[in-house]
Amino acid sequence: MKKRLFCTIPPELIKEPLLFTMGKEFGVVPNIRGASVTDTVAILSLELEGDDEQVEAAEAYLRDHGVQVEVLQPDSPA
């Protein structure tokens, strides 16, 4: 499964290794399609690839850590 997300990361999380941790913990491949990062906000166009359950868990991980997540593309078959 591949899923595209638009993520807004708050200032307190900008320097945290969220994508690395998410990839390692959930076995997904995060692909940054576009980004803008300042000291006060980071916005990412992100594609996650992996098994359905892994991608859903990775998305939940981001939300649970305070990242605002919007799905850009509906789930697509593997």
Protein backbone atom coordinates (compact mmCIF):
# COMPACT_ATOMS: atom_id res chain seq x y z
CA MET A 1 0.00 0.00 0.00
CA LYS A 2 1.05 3.56 -0.68
CA LYS A 3 -0.58 6.51 1.02
CA ARG A 4 0.14 10.20 0.51
CA LEU A 5 -0.15 12.51 3.48
CA PHE A 6 0.18 16.22 4.07
CA CYS A 7 1.75 16.72 7.49
CA THR A 8 2.10 19.86 9.57
CA ILE A 9 4.68 19.42 12.29
CA PRO A 10 4.58 21.81 15.26
CA PRO A 11 7.70 23.65 16.44
CA GLU A 12 8.40 21.40 19.43
CA LEU A 13 8.67 18.35 17.13
CA ILE A 14 10.71 19.78 14.25
CA LYS A 15 14.03 18.48 15.54
CA GLU A 16 12.66 15.07 16.57
CA PRO A 17 13.54 12.09 14.31
CA LEU A 18 9.88 11.22 13.71
CA LEU A 19 10.27 9.77 10.21
CA PHE A 20 13.31 7.70 11.11
CA THR A 21 11.63 6.32 14.22
CA MET A 22 8.37 5.66 12.36
CA GLY A 23 10.16 3.83 9.56
CA LYS A 24 12.17 1.72 11.93
CA GLU A 25 9.33 0.93 14.36
CA PHE A 26 6.61 0.20 11.77
CA GLY A 27 8.64 -1.05 8.81
CA VAL A 28 7.29 1.55 6.41
CA VAL A 29 9.26 3.46 3.81
CA PRO A 30 8.69 7.21 4.16
CA ASN A 31 9.30 9.21 0.99
CA ILE A 32 9.33 13.00 1.33
CA ARG A 33 7.72 14.37 -1.85
CA GLY A 34 8.03 18.01 -0.79
CA ALA A 35 8.83 20.00 2.32
CA SER A 36 9.15 23.43 3.82
CA VAL A 37 10.82 23.74 7.20
CA THR A 38 11.36 26.80 9.39
CA ASP A 39 12.08 27.23 13.09
CA THR A 40 8.36 27.52 13.79
CA VAL A 41 6.68 24.97 11.51
CA ALA A 42 7.43 22.14 9.10
CA ILE A 43 5.09 21.01 6.36
CA LEU A 44 5.65 17.79 4.45
CA SER A 45 4.08 16.06 1.52
CA LEU A 46 4.84 12.49 2.52
CA GLU A 47 4.29 9.13 0.89
CA LEU A 48 4.23 6.05 3.10
CA GLU A 49 4.73 2.60 1.63
CA GLY A 50 4.31 -0.74 3.37
CA ASP A 51 1.73 -3.31 4.41
CA ASP A 52 -1.75 -1.92 5.09
CA GLU A 53 -1.47 -2.39 8.85
CA GLN A 54 2.02 -0.87 8.97
CA VAL A 55 0.97 2.24 7.02
CA GLU A 56 -2.10 2.75 9.21
CA ALA A 57 -0.01 2.30 12.38
CA ALA A 58 2.61 4.76 11.09
CA GLU A 59 -0.08 7.35 10.33
CA ALA A 60 -1.53 6.88 13.83
CA TYR A 61 1.99 7.27 15.28
CA LEU A 62 2.32 10.69 13.63
CA ARG A 63 -1.11 11.80 14.86
CA ASP A 64 -0.44 10.51 18.38
CA HIS A 65 2.76 12.58 18.52
CA GLY A 66 0.94 15.82 17.64
CA VAL A 67 1.46 15.96 13.89
CA GLN A 68 -1.54 17.29 11.96
CA VAL A 69 -2.15 14.75 9.16
CA GLU A 70 -4.36 15.10 6.09
CA VAL A 71 -4.71 12.24 3.60
CA LEU A 72 -3.93 13.51 0.08
CA GLN A 73 -4.61 10.34 -1.84
CA PRO A 74 -6.97 7.55 -0.92
CA ASP A 75 -5.57 4.14 -0.07
CA SER A 76 -4.51 2.30 -3.19
CA PRO A 77 -4.15 -1.44 -3.67
CA ALA A 78 -0.69 -2.93 -3.22
